[in-house]
Amino acid sequence: MSLSADGYLKIVTETIDRVASGQRDEVGRAADLIVAALRTDGVVQAFGTGHSEALAMEIAGRAGGLVPTNRIALRDLVLRGGEPASILSPFLERDLTVAHKLYALAPIEPADVFVLASNSGVNGAMVEFAILVKERGHGLIAITSREHSERVQSRHPSGRKLADVADVVLDNGAPYGDATLPLPGGGAVGAVSSITAALLAQQVVVEVVRRLVEAGERPPVYLSANIPGGDDHNTALEARYAGRIRRGG
């Protein structure tokens, strides 16, 4: 593959086709978990660290997405937990204790379902969070790179990885190291995991909405806040989940 914008487009297009068409059953199972949660007044709790935080943003609080969604982030430890900003280092995601602190800070109820994103799926905080989620009886959907995860050691003392814990695993199709185009002196450029993870997230949301519509239910979906009537529409839907979905910070 050529080291060029066109070369990157070709490999991204191939990866998208493979990811999108090869996991229909898994996407359907993920949608079923979320529909079951919504019908029991549950909320979708989304969490990602590093660049996988973009996946949580793709799920929670965006136009065309589900209203009953909440984003959990490492910065919650500072914004809501009173920790100093200095703790927000790139290595924080390896700290197991972070998982318990974040779970305690989040507005979580028993009916909630979780979507956790981690390209490697091996860092301590993410794996511990997944284990905690399952111990508390929640449904768990993971978005990760199977290729990358299978080629590295877990940083969790149990030896488990995110994919080992989840009820449904969606493979983002990213190669080992995420980047796709090799460089002459070693290394690579052109990461794909954010693109494919967002695609999977949107596929799941669409399947959730399809199930609700086909059942004669009105899906709680956001309008853009930047169109007339958007704010009023969204505020009315958000009121049902007051205190359970956070849209600031």
C-alpha atoms as a PDB file:
ATOM      1  CA  MET A   1       0.000   0.000   0.000  1.00  0.00           C
ATOM      2  CA  SER A   2       1.436   3.365  -1.009  1.00  0.00           C
ATOM      3  CA  LEU A   3       2.383   5.903   1.641  1.00  0.00           C
ATOM      4  CA  SER A   4      -0.159   8.485   0.523  1.00  0.00           C
ATOM      5  CA  ALA A   5      -3.620   9.834   1.246  1.00  0.00           C
ATOM      6  CA  ASP A   6      -4.993   7.548  -1.478  1.00  0.00           C
ATOM      7  CA  GLY A   7      -3.173   4.571   0.003  1.00  0.00           C
ATOM      8  CA  TYR A   8      -4.649   5.323   3.407  1.00  0.00           C
ATOM      9  CA  LEU A   9      -8.123   5.717   1.911  1.00  0.00           C
ATOM     10  CA  LYS A  10      -7.835   2.331   0.230  1.00  0.00           C
ATOM     11  CA  ILE A  11      -6.839   0.515   3.394  1.00  0.00           C
ATOM     12  CA  VAL A  12      -9.449   2.344   5.489  1.00  0.00           C
ATOM     13  CA  THR A  13     -12.144   1.465   2.955  1.00  0.00           C
ATOM     14  CA  GLU A  14     -11.088  -2.188   2.968  1.00  0.00           C
ATOM     15  CA  THR A  15     -11.047  -2.259   6.773  1.00  0.00           C
ATOM     16  CA  ILE A  16     -14.452  -0.590   7.007  1.00  0.00           C
ATOM     17  CA  ASP A  17     -15.950  -3.116   4.593  1.00  0.00           C
ATOM     18  CA  ARG A  18     -14.509  -6.014   6.549  1.00  0.00           C
ATOM     19  CA  VAL A  19     -15.531  -4.667   9.976  1.00  0.00           C
ATOM     20  CA  ALA A  20     -19.012  -3.569   8.925  1.00  0.00           C
ATOM     21  CA  SER A  21     -20.027  -6.661   6.997  1.00  0.00           C
ATOM     22  CA  GLY A  22     -18.404  -9.377   9.082  1.00  0.00           C
ATOM     23  CA  GLN A  23     -20.026  -8.760  12.462  1.00  0.00           C
ATOM     24  CA  ARG A  24     -23.743  -8.540  11.808  1.00  0.00           C
ATOM     25  CA  ASP A  25     -24.546 -11.115  14.484  1.00  0.00           C
ATOM     26  CA  GLU A  26     -22.381  -9.364  17.074  1.00  0.00           C
ATOM     27  CA  VAL A  27     -23.872  -5.949  16.246  1.00  0.00           C
ATOM     28  CA  GLY A  28     -27.338  -7.459  16.599  1.00  0.00           C
ATOM     29  CA  ARG A  29     -26.500  -9.018  19.942  1.00  0.00           C
ATOM     30  CA  ALA A  30     -25.114  -5.698  21.184  1.00  0.00           C
ATOM     31  CA  ALA A  31     -28.306  -3.952  20.072  1.00  0.00           C
ATOM     32  CA  ASP A  32     -30.403  -6.562  21.880  1.00  0.00           C
ATOM     33  CA  LEU A  33     -28.523  -5.915  25.122  1.00  0.00           C
ATOM     34  CA  ILE A  34     -29.125  -2.181  24.857  1.00  0.00           C
ATOM     35  CA  VAL A  35     -32.804  -2.535  23.929  1.00  0.00           C
ATOM     36  CA  ALA A  36     -33.344  -4.786  26.944  1.00  0.00           C
ATOM     37  CA  ALA A  37     -31.687  -2.181  29.169  1.00  0.00           C
ATOM     38  CA  LEU A  38     -33.713   0.719  27.759  1.00  0.00           C
ATOM     39  CA  ARG A  39     -36.971  -1.164  28.252  1.00  0.00           C
ATOM     40  CA  THR A  40     -36.186  -1.524  31.943  1.00  0.00           C
ATOM     41  CA  ASP A  41     -35.329   2.180  32.239  1.00  0.00           C
ATOM     42  CA  GLY A  42     -31.607   1.554  31.927  1.00  0.00           C
ATOM     43  CA  VAL A  43     -28.962   3.892  30.541  1.00  0.00           C
ATOM     44  CA  VAL A  44     -26.043   3.135  28.230  1.00  0.00           C
ATOM     45  CA  GLN A  45     -22.815   3.862  30.112  1.00  0.00           C
ATOM     46  CA  ALA A  46     -19.888   4.467  27.732  1.00  0.00           C
ATOM     47  CA  PHE A  47     -16.231   4.497  28.758  1.00  0.00           C
ATOM     48  CA  GLY A  48     -12.990   4.680  26.848  1.00  0.00           C
ATOM     49  CA  THR A  49      -9.468   5.801  27.683  1.00  0.00           C
ATOM     50  CA  GLY A  50      -6.854   7.389  25.462  1.00  0.00           C
ATOM     51  CA  HIS A  51      -8.125   7.830  21.913  1.00  0.00           C
ATOM     52  CA  SER A  52     -10.912   5.383  22.707  1.00  0.00           C
ATOM     53  CA  GLU A  53     -12.534   8.197  24.659  1.00  0.00           C
ATOM     54  CA  ALA A  54     -13.756   9.341  21.240  1.00  0.00           C
ATOM     55  CA  LEU A  55     -15.913   6.221  21.137  1.00  0.00           C
ATOM     56  CA  ALA A  56     -17.681   7.215  24.342  1.00  0.00           C
ATOM     57  CA  MET A  57     -18.337  10.635  22.817  1.00  0.00           C
ATOM     58  CA  GLU A  58     -19.737   8.936  19.724  1.00  0.00           C
ATOM     59  CA  ILE A  59     -22.287   7.122  21.882  1.00  0.00           C
ATOM     60  CA  ALA A  60     -23.244   9.646  24.540  1.00  0.00           C
ATOM     61  CA  GLY A  61     -24.967  12.957  23.891  1.00  0.00           C
ATOM     62  CA  ARG A  62     -24.702  13.445  20.135  1.00  0.00           C
ATOM     63  CA  ALA A  63     -27.182  14.287  17.386  1.00  0.00           C
ATOM     64  CA  GLY A  64     -28.849  11.192  15.984  1.00  0.00           C
ATOM     65  CA  GLY A  65     -27.846   9.192  19.049  1.00  0.00           C
ATOM     66  CA  LEU A  66     -29.722   7.801  22.010  1.00  0.00           C
ATOM     67  CA  VAL A  67     -30.678  10.165  24.809  1.00  0.00           C
ATOM     68  CA  PRO A  68     -30.317   7.654  27.686  1.00  0.00           C
ATOM     69  CA  THR A  69     -26.532   7.572  27.436  1.00  0.00           C
ATOM     70  CA  ASN A  70     -23.821   8.672  29.821  1.00  0.00           C
ATOM     71  CA  ARG A  71     -20.103   9.168  29.245  1.00  0.00           C
ATOM     72  CA  ILE A  72     -17.598   8.105  31.886  1.00  0.00           C
ATOM     73  CA  ALA A  73     -14.108   9.606  31.565  1.00  0.00           C
ATOM     74  CA  LEU A  74     -10.844   9.598  33.492  1.00  0.00           C
ATOM     75  CA  ARG A  75     -11.251  13.339  34.056  1.00  0.00           C
ATOM     76  CA  ASP A  76     -14.270  12.529  36.254  1.00  0.00           C
ATOM     77  CA  LEU A  77     -11.719  11.801  38.971  1.00  0.00           C
ATOM     78  CA  VAL A  78     -10.805  15.502  38.900  1.00  0.00           C
ATOM     79  CA  LEU A  79     -14.139  17.090  38.007  1.00  0.00           C
ATOM     80  CA  ARG A  80     -16.246  14.997  40.356  1.00  0.00           C
ATOM     81  CA  GLY A  81     -13.854  13.146  42.629  1.00  0.00           C
ATOM     82  CA  GLY A  82     -11.650  15.943  43.943  1.00  0.00           C
ATOM     83  CA  GLU A  83      -8.388  14.511  42.625  1.00  0.00           C
ATOM     84  CA  PRO A  84      -5.647  16.925  41.468  1.00  0.00           C
ATOM     85  CA  ALA A  85      -5.375  17.492  37.716  1.00  0.00           C
ATOM     86  CA  SER A  86      -1.803  16.193  37.906  1.00  0.00           C
ATOM     87  CA  ILE A  87      -3.092  12.604  38.085  1.00  0.00           C
ATOM     88  CA  LEU A  88      -4.257  12.779  34.458  1.00  0.00           C
ATOM     89  CA  SER A  89      -1.160  11.211  32.959  1.00  0.00           C
ATOM     90  CA  PRO A  90      -1.051   8.775  30.014  1.00  0.00           C
ATOM     91  CA  PHE A  91      -0.319   6.007  32.518  1.00  0.00           C
ATOM     92  CA  LEU A  92      -3.450   6.504  34.610  1.00  0.00           C
ATOM     93  CA  GLU A  93      -5.306   3.913  32.542  1.00  0.00           C
ATOM     94  CA  ARG A  94      -2.968   1.266  33.954  1.00  0.00           C
ATOM     95  CA  ASP A  95      -4.047   1.899  37.559  1.00  0.00           C
ATOM     96  CA  LEU A  96      -6.557  -0.711  38.761  1.00  0.00           C
ATOM     97  CA  THR A  97      -7.914   1.490  41.553  1.00  0.00           C
ATOM     98  CA  VAL A  98      -9.194   3.970  38.959  1.00  0.00           C
ATOM     99  CA  ALA A  99     -11.939   1.548  37.937  1.00  0.00           C
ATOM    100  CA  HIS A 100     -13.495   1.439  41.400  1.00  0.00           C
ATOM    101  CA  LYS A 101     -13.307   5.201  41.816  1.00  0.00           C
ATOM    102  CA  LEU A 102     -14.961   5.856  38.456  1.00  0.00           C
ATOM    103  CA  TYR A 103     -17.721   3.341  39.075  1.00  0.00           C
ATOM    104  CA  ALA A 104     -18.467   4.940  42.444  1.00  0.00           C
ATOM    105  CA  LEU A 105     -18.575   8.433  40.910  1.00  0.00           C
ATOM    106  CA  ALA A 106     -20.858   7.557  38.015  1.00  0.00           C
ATOM    107  CA  PRO A 107     -24.690   7.740  38.185  1.00  0.00           C
ATOM    108  CA  ILE A 108     -25.090   3.996  37.649  1.00  0.00           C
ATOM    109  CA  GLU A 109     -28.228   1.940  38.291  1.00  0.00           C
ATOM    110  CA  PRO A 110     -28.688  -1.854  38.103  1.00  0.00           C
ATOM    111  CA  ALA A 111     -30.471  -1.812  34.728  1.00  0.00           C
ATOM    112  CA  ASP A 112     -27.657   0.053  32.979  1.00  0.00           C
ATOM    113  CA  VAL A 113     -25.644  -1.526  30.170  1.00  0.00           C
ATOM    114  CA  PHE A 114     -22.006  -0.696  29.417  1.00  0.00           C
ATOM    115  CA  VAL A 115     -20.016  -0.088  26.240  1.00  0.00           C
ATOM    116  CA  LEU A 116     -16.273  -0.132  26.923  1.00  0.00           C
ATOM    117  CA  ALA A 117     -13.717   0.756  24.263  1.00  0.00           C
ATOM    118  CA  SER A 118     -10.012  -0.030  24.297  1.00  0.00           C
ATOM    119  CA  ASN A 119      -7.954  -0.774  21.216  1.00  0.00           C
ATOM    120  CA  SER A 120      -5.491  -2.967  23.115  1.00  0.00           C
ATOM    121  CA  GLY A 121      -7.951  -4.160  25.730  1.00  0.00           C
ATOM    122  CA  VAL A 122      -5.168  -4.912  28.190  1.00  0.00           C
ATOM    123  CA  ASN A 123      -4.691  -1.911  30.491  1.00  0.00           C
ATOM    124  CA  GLY A 124      -5.411  -2.455  34.158  1.00  0.00           C
ATOM    125  CA  ALA A 125      -8.079   0.196  34.678  1.00  0.00           C
ATOM    126  CA  MET A 126     -10.142  -0.934  31.685  1.00  0.00           C
ATOM    127  CA  VAL A 127      -9.963  -4.639  32.484  1.00  0.00           C
ATOM    128  CA  GLU A 128     -10.720  -4.020  36.154  1.00  0.00           C
ATOM    129  CA  PHE A 129     -13.653  -1.806  35.173  1.00  0.00           C
ATOM    130  CA  ALA A 130     -14.999  -4.563  32.925  1.00  0.00           C
ATOM    131  CA  ILE A 131     -14.676  -7.142  35.682  1.00  0.00           C
ATOM    132  CA  LEU A 132     -16.415  -4.817  38.129  1.00  0.00           C
ATOM    133  CA  VAL A 133     -19.241  -4.182  35.644  1.00  0.00           C
ATOM    134  CA  LYS A 134     -19.881  -7.899  35.259  1.00  0.00           C
ATOM    135  CA  GLU A 135     -19.636  -8.537  39.006  1.00  0.00           C
ATOM    136  CA  ARG A 136     -22.384  -5.937  39.456  1.00  0.00           C
ATOM    137  CA  GLY A 137     -24.616  -7.755  36.980  1.00  0.00           C
ATOM    138  CA  HIS A 138     -24.536  -5.346  34.021  1.00  0.00           C
ATOM    139  CA  GLY A 139     -24.501  -6.247  30.358  1.00  0.00           C
ATOM    140  CA  LEU A 140     -21.155  -5.442  28.733  1.00  0.00           C
ATOM    141  CA  ILE A 141     -20.259  -4.677  25.121  1.00  0.00           C
ATOM    142  CA  ALA A 142     -16.569  -4.310  24.254  1.00  0.00           C
ATOM    143  CA  ILE A 143     -15.063  -2.588  21.226  1.00  0.00           C
ATOM    144  CA  THR A 144     -11.447  -3.589  20.773  1.00  0.00           C
ATOM    145  CA  SER A 145      -8.858  -4.817  18.275  1.00  0.00           C
ATOM    146  CA  ARG A 146      -8.657  -8.576  18.491  1.00  0.00           C
ATOM    147  CA  GLU A 147      -5.415  -8.650  16.515  1.00  0.00           C
ATOM    148  CA  HIS A 148      -3.663  -6.177  18.777  1.00  0.00           C
ATOM    149  CA  SER A 149      -5.088  -7.610  21.980  1.00  0.00           C
ATOM    150  CA  GLU A 150      -4.057 -11.155  21.121  1.00  0.00           C
ATOM    151  CA  ARG A 151      -0.454 -10.102  20.509  1.00  0.00           C
ATOM    152  CA  VAL A 152       0.202  -8.324  23.825  1.00  0.00           C
ATOM    153  CA  GLN A 153       0.223  -9.329  27.467  1.00  0.00           C
ATOM    154  CA  SER A 154      -2.512  -8.191  29.809  1.00  0.00           C
ATOM    155  CA  ARG A 155      -1.531  -5.534  32.333  1.00  0.00           C
ATOM    156  CA  HIS A 156      -4.178  -6.827  34.734  1.00  0.00           C
ATOM    157  CA  PRO A 157      -2.972  -9.192  37.468  1.00  0.00           C
ATOM    158  CA  SER A 158      -5.617 -11.757  36.478  1.00  0.00           C
ATOM    159  CA  GLY A 159      -4.124 -12.025  33.010  1.00  0.00           C
ATOM    160  CA  ARG A 160      -7.534 -11.307  31.514  1.00  0.00           C
ATOM    161  CA  LYS A 161      -8.268  -8.834  28.741  1.00  0.00           C
ATOM    162  CA  LEU A 162     -11.336  -6.787  27.917  1.00  0.00           C
ATOM    163  CA  ALA A 163     -12.459  -9.293  25.285  1.00  0.00           C
ATOM    164  CA  ASP A 164     -12.326 -12.085  27.888  1.00  0.00           C
ATOM    165  CA  VAL A 165     -14.875 -10.348  30.109  1.00  0.00           C
ATOM    166  CA  ALA A 166     -17.477  -8.869  27.757  1.00  0.00           C
ATOM    167  CA  ASP A 167     -20.818 -10.398  26.769  1.00  0.00           C
ATOM    168  CA  VAL A 168     -20.374  -9.136  23.210  1.00  0.00           C
ATOM    169  CA  VAL A 169     -17.073  -8.257  21.530  1.00  0.00           C
ATOM    170  CA  LEU A 170     -16.977  -5.978  18.480  1.00  0.00           C
ATOM    171  CA  ASP A 171     -13.644  -6.103  16.651  1.00  0.00           C
ATOM    172  CA  ASN A 172     -12.589  -2.714  15.276  1.00  0.00           C
ATOM    173  CA  GLY A 173     -10.317  -4.445  12.769  1.00  0.00           C
ATOM    174  CA  ALA A 174      -7.259  -2.366  13.602  1.00  0.00           C
ATOM    175  CA  PRO A 175      -3.877  -4.019  13.075  1.00  0.00           C
ATOM    176  CA  TYR A 176      -1.272  -4.497  15.769  1.00  0.00           C
ATOM    177  CA  GLY A 177      -0.146  -0.985  16.695  1.00  0.00           C
ATOM    178  CA  ASP A 178      -3.253   0.567  15.082  1.00  0.00           C
ATOM    179  CA  ALA A 179      -1.392   2.394  12.300  1.00  0.00           C
ATOM    180  CA  THR A 180      -1.646   0.894   8.813  1.00  0.00           C
ATOM    181  CA  LEU A 181       0.995   2.259   6.428  1.00  0.00           C
ATOM    182  CA  PRO A 182       4.604   1.136   7.086  1.00  0.00           C
ATOM    183  CA  LEU A 183       7.368   3.738   7.122  1.00  0.00           C
ATOM    184  CA  PRO A 184      10.768   3.100   5.467  1.00  0.00           C
ATOM    185  CA  GLY A 185      12.688   3.513   8.729  1.00  0.00           C
ATOM    186  CA  GLY A 186      10.286   1.480  10.819  1.00  0.00           C
ATOM    187  CA  GLY A 187       6.979   2.269  12.455  1.00  0.00           C
ATOM    188  CA  ALA A 188       3.755   3.129  10.658  1.00  0.00           C
ATOM    189  CA  VAL A 189       1.269   5.943  10.099  1.00  0.00           C
ATOM    190  CA  GLY A 190      -2.473   6.141   9.500  1.00  0.00           C
ATOM    191  CA  ALA A 191      -4.408   4.745  12.468  1.00  0.00           C
ATOM    192  CA  VAL A 192      -7.883   3.296  11.877  1.00  0.00           C
ATOM    193  CA  SER A 193      -9.344   2.281  15.239  1.00  0.00           C
ATOM    194  CA  SER A 194     -11.206   5.553  15.888  1.00  0.00           C
ATOM    195  CA  ILE A 195     -12.901   5.383  12.482  1.00  0.00           C
ATOM    196  CA  THR A 196     -13.986   1.767  12.706  1.00  0.00           C
ATOM    197  CA  ALA A 197     -15.026   1.985  16.359  1.00  0.00           C
ATOM    198  CA  ALA A 198     -17.269   4.939  15.523  1.00  0.00           C
ATOM    199  CA  LEU A 199     -18.748   2.947  12.647  1.00  0.00           C
ATOM    200  CA  LEU A 200     -19.538   0.027  14.945  1.00  0.00           C
ATOM    201  CA  ALA A 201     -21.066   2.326  17.543  1.00  0.00           C
ATOM    202  CA  GLN A 202     -23.351   3.909  14.944  1.00  0.00           C
ATOM    203  CA  GLN A 203     -24.334   0.512  13.542  1.00  0.00           C
ATOM    204  CA  VAL A 204     -25.365  -0.632  17.007  1.00  0.00           C
ATOM    205  CA  VAL A 205     -27.365   2.550  17.642  1.00  0.00           C
ATOM    206  CA  VAL A 206     -29.181   2.190  14.322  1.00  0.00           C
ATOM    207  CA  GLU A 207     -30.032  -1.420  15.129  1.00  0.00           C
ATOM    208  CA  VAL A 208     -31.327  -0.386  18.556  1.00  0.00           C
ATOM    209  CA  VAL A 209     -33.572   2.230  16.981  1.00  0.00           C
ATOM    210  CA  ARG A 210     -34.750  -0.221  14.305  1.00  0.00           C
ATOM    211  CA  ARG A 211     -35.856  -2.688  16.956  1.00  0.00           C
ATOM    212  CA  LEU A 212     -37.750  -0.027  18.878  1.00  0.00           C
ATOM    213  CA  VAL A 213     -39.452   1.343  15.758  1.00  0.00           C
ATOM    214  CA  GLU A 214     -40.471  -2.122  14.566  1.00  0.00           C
ATOM    215  CA  ALA A 215     -41.971  -2.780  17.992  1.00  0.00           C
ATOM    216  CA  GLY A 216     -44.081   0.375  17.698  1.00  0.00           C
ATOM    217  CA  GLU A 217     -42.038   2.286  20.267  1.00  0.00           C
ATOM    218  CA  ARG A 218     -40.787   5.836  19.870  1.00  0.00           C
ATOM    219  CA  PRO A 219     -36.995   5.811  20.203  1.00  0.00           C
ATOM    220  CA  PRO A 220     -35.451   8.514  22.437  1.00  0.00           C
ATOM    221  CA  VAL A 221     -33.130  10.067  19.852  1.00  0.00           C
ATOM    222  CA  TYR A 222     -31.373  13.428  19.950  1.00  0.00           C
ATOM    223  CA  LEU A 223     -31.918  16.145  17.388  1.00  0.00           C
ATOM    224  CA  SER A 224     -29.048  18.471  16.633  1.00  0.00           C
ATOM    225  CA  ALA A 225     -29.022  21.376  19.062  1.00  0.00           C
ATOM    226  CA  ASN A 226     -28.177  23.536  16.064  1.00  0.00           C
ATOM    227  CA  ILE A 227     -31.515  23.171  14.277  1.00  0.00           C
ATOM    228  CA  PRO A 228     -34.774  24.940  15.191  1.00  0.00           C
ATOM    229  CA  GLY A 229     -36.597  23.088  17.962  1.00  0.00           C
ATOM    230  CA  GLY A 230     -33.607  20.910  18.786  1.00  0.00           C
ATOM    231  CA  ASP A 231     -33.078  22.243  22.299  1.00  0.00           C
ATOM    232  CA  ASP A 232     -36.736  21.868  23.280  1.00  0.00           C
ATOM    233  CA  HIS A 233     -36.919  18.354  21.869  1.00  0.00           C
ATOM    234  CA  ASN A 234     -33.752  17.245  23.633  1.00  0.00           C
ATOM    235  CA  THR A 235     -34.536  18.891  26.972  1.00  0.00           C
ATOM    236  CA  ALA A 236     -37.906  17.165  27.134  1.00  0.00           C
ATOM    237  CA  LEU A 237     -36.334  13.751  26.535  1.00  0.00           C
ATOM    238  CA  GLU A 238     -33.441  14.353  28.926  1.00  0.00           C
ATOM    239  CA  ALA A 239     -35.834  15.198  31.749  1.00  0.00           C
ATOM    240  CA  ARG A 240     -36.813  11.535  31.978  1.00  0.00           C
ATOM    241  CA  TYR A 241     -33.232  10.670  32.908  1.00  0.00           C
ATOM    242  CA  ALA A 242     -32.476  13.604  35.193  1.00  0.00           C
ATOM    243  CA  GLY A 243     -29.420  12.957  37.336  1.00  0.00           C
ATOM    244  CA  ARG A 244     -28.463   9.867  35.338  1.00  0.00           C
ATOM    245  CA  ILE A 245     -26.980  11.366  32.188  1.00  0.00           C
ATOM    246  CA  ARG A 246     -24.254  13.971  32.389  1.00  0.00           C
ATOM    247  CA  ARG A 247     -23.716  16.445  29.609  1.00  0.00           C
ATOM    248  CA  GLY A 248     -21.185  18.791  31.176  1.00  0.00           C
ATOM    249  CA  GLY A 249     -17.481  18.210  31.696  1.00  0.00           C
END
